[in-house]
């Protein structure tokens, strides 16, 4: 059986209102934090994993080609035909 005491009923209404207000404030704070994070991270230039892997593969290929060319130059210099002598 519910109490008919108006003081208790007012207290219950106040507690319910406070809980609703607190929930609204929490929701608003969460949305504000998300918006701030979007602003901060949105201005940064991030690359996708696919772009990173593609550039990494290109760099590895260029490194291999540079090593091959260095070996060819060393072999030519060992034979006595340097590029400056031409």
Protein backbone atom coordinates (compact mmCIF):
# COMPACT_ATOMS: atom_id res chain seq x y z
CA UNK A 1 0.00 0.00 0.00
CA UNK A 2 1.38 3.39 -0.99
CA UNK A 3 1.89 6.14 1.52
CA UNK A 4 -0.33 9.18 1.22
CA UNK A 5 2.22 11.43 2.88
CA UNK A 6 2.70 14.47 0.59
CA UNK A 7 6.23 15.03 1.89
CA UNK A 8 7.31 11.56 0.74
CA UNK A 9 5.50 11.98 -2.59
CA UNK A 10 7.27 15.30 -3.18
CA UNK A 11 10.61 13.74 -2.29
CA UNK A 12 10.00 10.88 -4.75
CA UNK A 13 9.09 13.39 -7.49
CA UNK A 14 12.23 15.38 -6.73
CA UNK A 15 14.40 12.26 -6.85
CA UNK A 16 12.87 11.20 -10.19
CA UNK A 17 13.41 14.66 -11.63
CA UNK A 18 17.01 14.71 -10.42
CA UNK A 19 17.66 11.28 -11.96
CA UNK A 20 16.20 12.43 -15.28
CA UNK A 21 18.25 15.62 -15.21
CA UNK A 22 21.41 13.68 -14.39
CA UNK A 23 20.77 11.24 -17.24
CA UNK A 24 20.26 14.16 -19.64
CA UNK A 25 23.45 15.83 -18.47
CA UNK A 26 25.37 12.58 -18.94
CA UNK A 27 24.00 12.17 -22.45
CA UNK A 28 24.85 15.77 -23.33
CA UNK A 29 28.38 15.46 -21.91
CA UNK A 30 28.94 12.28 -23.95
CA UNK A 31 27.78 13.96 -27.16
CA UNK A 32 29.95 17.02 -26.46
CA UNK A 33 32.99 14.81 -25.88
CA UNK A 34 32.35 12.94 -29.14
CA UNK A 35 32.01 16.20 -31.06
CA UNK A 36 35.26 17.53 -29.58
CA UNK A 37 37.04 14.30 -30.50
CA UNK A 38 35.74 14.56 -34.07
CA UNK A 39 37.03 18.14 -34.26
CA UNK A 40 40.45 17.20 -32.91
CA UNK A 41 40.98 14.05 -34.94
CA UNK A 42 39.15 15.30 -38.02
CA UNK A 43 41.85 17.88 -38.68
CA UNK A 44 44.63 15.31 -38.64
CA UNK A 45 45.72 13.55 -41.78
CA UNK A 46 45.55 9.84 -41.14
CA UNK A 47 46.15 7.21 -43.80
CA UNK A 48 44.28 3.99 -44.24
CA UNK A 49 46.00 0.67 -43.68
CA UNK A 50 45.76 -0.08 -47.41
CA UNK A 51 47.54 3.18 -48.31
CA UNK A 52 50.25 2.49 -45.74
CA UNK A 53 50.83 -1.04 -47.04
CA UNK A 54 50.98 0.20 -50.65
CA UNK A 55 53.62 2.83 -49.83
CA UNK A 56 55.55 0.30 -47.76
CA UNK A 57 55.63 -2.10 -50.72
CA UNK A 58 56.74 0.69 -53.06
CA UNK A 59 59.59 1.61 -50.68
CA UNK A 60 60.73 -2.01 -50.44
CA UNK A 61 60.75 -2.33 -54.23
CA UNK A 62 62.71 0.92 -54.60
CA UNK A 63 65.22 -0.29 -52.01
CA UNK A 64 65.70 -3.56 -53.93
CA UNK A 65 66.21 -1.68 -57.20
CA UNK A 66 68.74 0.65 -55.56
CA UNK A 67 70.65 -2.34 -54.18
CA UNK A 68 70.64 -4.01 -57.63
CA UNK A 69 71.91 -0.83 -59.30
CA UNK A 70 74.63 -0.43 -56.68
CA UNK A 71 75.75 -4.01 -57.35
CA UNK A 72 75.82 -3.38 -61.11
CA UNK A 73 77.88 -0.20 -60.67
CA UNK A 74 80.29 -2.04 -58.40
CA UNK A 75 80.65 -4.82 -61.00
CA UNK A 76 81.30 -2.31 -63.79
CA UNK A 77 83.87 -0.48 -61.70
CA UNK A 78 85.59 -3.79 -60.94
CA UNK A 79 85.91 -4.46 -64.71
CA UNK A 80 87.56 -1.08 -65.12
CA UNK A 81 84.78 0.66 -67.04
CA UNK A 82 83.68 3.44 -64.79
CA UNK A 83 80.83 5.73 -65.85
CA UNK A 84 83.23 8.72 -65.77
CA UNK A 85 85.57 7.12 -68.36
CA UNK A 86 82.95 7.10 -71.11
